[in-house]
Amino acid sequence: MNDLARPAMYNAWMRIVECERGQGEPQVFDVVGPICESGDWLGRERSLAVAEGDLLAITSAGAYAMAMASNYNSRPRAAEVMVDGDAVHVIRQRETAESLYANERPIG
């Protein structure tokens, strides 16, 4: 809902892969986000060999992922990472809860 709105908004298909292939047979999953709403999904009916706690990667979020991202439900936006062969570059740091309120000032 806040990190990658494209799948829920207009059924965009994003490639989702295991960061490390699990030991078991692949199973079919719906990949959802943390907000627990009907529109908070990233991919439906994906065949993945994963277990609880495993990491997944969305390999191409599209040109508008950060432009459409929001702080819905006071959630900090994710970091942006560029992978170039074996090199990994953080091109935008993950936001913190403190950074969400940094420019707010009390009234009075």
Protein backbone atom coordinates (compact mmCIF):
# COMPACT_ATOMS: atom_id res chain seq x y z
CA MET A 1 0.00 0.00 0.00
CA ASN A 2 2.72 2.51 0.76
CA ASP A 3 5.85 0.96 -0.74
CA LEU A 4 4.59 -0.40 -4.05
CA ALA A 5 1.08 0.68 -4.95
CA ARG A 6 1.13 -0.42 -8.60
CA PRO A 7 -0.04 -4.05 -8.15
CA ALA A 8 -3.06 -3.09 -6.06
CA MET A 9 -3.95 0.03 -8.05
CA TYR A 10 -3.85 -1.37 -11.57
CA ASN A 11 -2.83 -5.02 -11.35
CA ALA A 12 0.81 -4.43 -12.35
CA TRP A 13 2.84 -7.66 -12.40
CA MET A 14 6.14 -7.55 -10.49
CA ARG A 15 8.69 -10.37 -10.55
CA ILE A 16 9.14 -11.74 -7.02
CA VAL A 17 11.98 -14.17 -6.27
CA GLU A 18 13.57 -15.82 -3.26
CA CYS A 19 16.78 -14.14 -2.09
CA GLU A 20 18.06 -17.65 -1.35
CA ARG A 21 16.26 -20.66 -2.76
CA GLY A 22 14.57 -22.68 0.00
CA GLN A 23 15.09 -26.38 0.53
CA GLY A 24 11.49 -27.46 0.03
CA GLU A 25 9.29 -27.77 -3.01
CA PRO A 26 7.80 -24.52 -4.31
CA GLN A 27 4.30 -23.70 -3.15
CA VAL A 28 1.87 -21.10 -4.45
CA PHE A 29 1.57 -17.93 -2.34
CA ASP A 30 -0.05 -14.53 -2.41
CA VAL A 31 2.65 -12.03 -1.41
CA VAL A 32 1.18 -9.26 0.72
CA GLY A 33 2.40 -6.21 2.59
CA PRO A 34 2.29 -5.38 6.30
CA ILE A 35 -0.80 -3.16 6.45
CA CYS A 36 -3.46 -5.90 6.47
CA GLU A 37 -5.94 -4.40 4.03
CA SER A 38 -7.50 -6.01 0.98
CA GLY A 39 -5.46 -3.78 -1.36
CA ASP A 40 -2.12 -4.45 0.34
CA TRP A 41 -0.73 -7.11 -1.98
CA LEU A 42 2.39 -7.31 -4.14
CA GLY A 43 1.87 -10.48 -6.15
CA ARG A 44 -0.75 -13.18 -6.39
CA GLU A 45 -0.34 -16.90 -7.05
CA ARG A 46 3.47 -16.95 -7.03
CA SER A 47 5.39 -20.21 -6.94
CA LEU A 48 8.07 -19.82 -4.25
CA ALA A 49 10.20 -22.17 -2.16
CA VAL A 50 10.17 -20.19 1.10
CA ALA A 51 9.64 -20.59 4.82
CA GLU A 52 8.69 -18.09 7.52
CA GLY A 53 11.43 -15.49 7.92
CA ASP A 54 12.93 -15.94 4.43
CA LEU A 55 13.61 -12.86 2.32
CA LEU A 56 12.04 -12.07 -1.04
CA ALA A 57 13.07 -9.56 -3.68
CA ILE A 58 10.93 -7.64 -6.12
CA THR A 59 13.37 -7.43 -9.00
CA SER A 60 11.94 -4.45 -10.84
CA ALA A 61 9.56 -2.15 -9.07
CA GLY A 62 8.94 0.05 -12.09
CA ALA A 63 9.73 3.65 -12.82
CA TYR A 64 7.10 5.07 -10.48
CA ALA A 65 7.59 3.03 -7.31
CA MET A 66 9.11 5.82 -5.20
CA ALA A 67 7.09 8.52 -6.97
CA MET A 68 3.88 6.73 -5.94
CA ALA A 69 5.11 5.68 -2.48
CA SER A 70 3.57 7.28 0.57
CA ASN A 71 3.75 7.32 4.33
CA TYR A 72 0.29 5.77 4.64
CA ASN A 73 -0.42 4.61 8.21
CA SER A 74 2.75 6.48 9.33
CA ARG A 75 4.97 3.86 7.72
CA PRO A 76 8.46 4.96 6.67
CA ARG A 77 9.26 4.37 3.01
CA ALA A 78 11.66 1.60 2.06
CA ALA A 79 15.23 2.11 0.93
CA GLU A 80 15.97 2.13 -2.77
CA VAL A 81 18.75 -0.20 -3.87
CA MET A 82 20.40 -0.50 -7.28
CA VAL A 83 22.06 -3.78 -8.20
CA ASP A 84 24.70 -3.60 -10.92
CA GLY A 85 26.17 -7.05 -11.47
CA ASP A 86 27.85 -7.96 -8.18
CA ALA A 87 27.73 -4.38 -6.86
CA VAL A 88 24.88 -3.20 -4.64
CA HIS A 89 24.28 0.52 -4.08
CA VAL A 90 21.84 2.12 -1.64
CA ILE A 91 20.62 5.10 -3.65
CA ARG A 92 18.04 6.28 -1.09
CA GLN A 93 18.24 5.48 2.61
CA ARG A 94 15.30 3.85 4.38
CA GLU A 95 13.20 6.43 6.22
CA THR A 96 12.86 6.27 9.98
CA ALA A 97 9.83 7.09 12.10
CA GLU A 98 11.77 10.10 13.42
CA SER A 99 12.32 11.40 9.88
CA LEU A 100 8.55 11.41 9.26
CA TYR A 101 8.06 14.01 11.97
CA ALA A 102 11.31 15.99 11.51
CA ASN A 103 9.64 18.97 9.82
CA GLU A 104 6.59 19.16 12.09
CA ARG A 105 6.35 21.91 14.68
CA PRO A 106 3.93 22.27 17.60
CA ILE A 107 1.43 25.12 17.50
CA GLY A 108 1.31 27.69 20.26
